[in-house]
Amino acid sequence: MGKYSFKLTKQEKLYAKKALKVVVAKKTLKKGKIINNQDIVLKRTGSTSLHCIYSMNEIVGKKTNREILVDQPIINKYLKR
């Protein structure tokens, strides 16, 4: 059937680094809300901040310390420790 070589171009490698999914609010979360799986979702936002959370398990059960709007990436400073 022939030989095929599968290599990513430089643009594809750059896109893959930027296309990470981050945890965002599925709905508006009020201050003091304890986050559960139904409140959050993973989305590609183009945001690659060091402060973004990439795993839903990291924040389930934590309480918000401010209001978080729909589709807003959730970062650690929005959560009580």
Protein backbone atom coordinates (compact mmCIF):
# COMPACT_ATOMS: atom_id res chain seq x y z
CA MET A 1 0.00 0.00 0.00
CA GLY A 2 3.00 2.30 0.13
CA LYS A 3 4.83 4.17 2.83
CA TYR A 4 3.41 7.21 4.46
CA SER A 5 5.22 9.64 6.66
CA PHE A 6 3.12 11.55 9.18
CA LYS A 7 4.88 14.68 10.40
CA LEU A 8 3.35 17.85 11.76
CA THR A 9 4.28 21.15 10.20
CA LYS A 10 5.61 23.99 12.35
CA GLN A 11 2.21 25.72 12.19
CA GLU A 12 0.44 22.53 13.33
CA LYS A 13 2.82 22.11 16.27
CA LEU A 14 2.28 25.74 17.30
CA TYR A 15 -1.51 25.33 17.07
CA ALA A 16 -1.42 22.15 19.18
CA LYS A 17 0.33 24.04 21.98
CA LYS A 18 -2.29 26.82 21.89
CA ALA A 19 -5.32 24.53 21.53
CA LEU A 20 -5.40 23.35 25.13
CA LYS A 21 -8.77 23.05 26.82
CA VAL A 22 -9.31 25.01 30.02
CA VAL A 23 -12.03 24.75 32.66
CA VAL A 24 -14.77 27.35 32.16
CA ALA A 25 -18.09 28.04 33.87
CA LYS A 26 -21.02 26.34 32.12
CA LYS A 27 -23.36 28.84 33.80
CA THR A 28 -22.93 31.91 35.98
CA LEU A 29 -21.55 30.82 39.35
CA LYS A 30 -22.42 33.00 42.33
CA LYS A 31 -19.93 33.88 45.05
CA GLY A 32 -19.78 31.10 47.67
CA LYS A 33 -21.01 28.36 45.28
CA ILE A 34 -19.50 24.91 45.77
CA ILE A 35 -18.53 23.76 42.28
CA ASN A 36 -19.76 20.42 40.94
CA ASN A 37 -19.38 18.67 37.55
CA GLN A 38 -22.60 20.20 36.22
CA ASP A 39 -21.23 23.74 36.73
CA ILE A 40 -18.10 23.45 34.59
CA VAL A 41 -16.92 22.31 31.18
CA LEU A 42 -13.64 22.10 29.24
CA LYS A 43 -13.36 24.46 26.25
CA ARG A 44 -10.70 25.77 23.92
CA THR A 45 -10.56 29.46 24.67
CA GLY A 46 -7.22 30.47 23.20
CA SER A 47 -6.17 31.34 26.75
CA THR A 48 -2.90 29.68 27.69
CA SER A 49 -2.29 31.55 30.93
CA LEU A 50 -0.29 29.83 33.64
CA HIS A 51 -3.20 30.58 35.97
CA CYS A 52 -5.80 28.63 33.98
CA ILE A 53 -6.97 25.27 35.30
CA TYR A 54 -6.79 22.37 32.84
CA SER A 55 -8.36 19.59 34.93
CA MET A 56 -11.98 19.57 36.15
CA ASN A 57 -11.03 17.32 39.08
CA GLU A 58 -8.84 20.09 40.51
CA ILE A 59 -11.82 22.33 41.31
CA VAL A 60 -14.82 20.07 41.93
CA GLY A 61 -15.86 20.59 45.54
CA LYS A 62 -14.12 23.97 45.90
CA LYS A 63 -15.99 27.17 46.75
CA THR A 64 -15.93 30.33 44.64
CA ASN A 65 -14.83 33.60 46.22
CA ARG A 66 -16.38 35.78 43.48
CA GLU A 67 -19.00 35.57 40.75
CA ILE A 68 -17.78 33.71 37.64
CA LEU A 69 -19.59 34.41 34.37
CA VAL A 70 -20.64 31.92 31.68
CA ASP A 71 -17.67 30.73 29.54
CA GLN A 72 -15.20 32.58 31.76
CA PRO A 73 -12.02 30.55 32.37
CA ILE A 74 -11.71 29.60 36.03
CA ILE A 75 -8.40 30.43 37.67
CA ASN A 76 -7.11 29.65 41.14
CA LYS A 77 -7.60 33.16 42.51
CA TYR A 78 -11.38 32.79 41.95
CA LEU A 79 -11.49 29.86 44.40
CA LYS A 80 -11.24 29.73 48.19
CA ARG A 81 -8.37 27.66 49.48
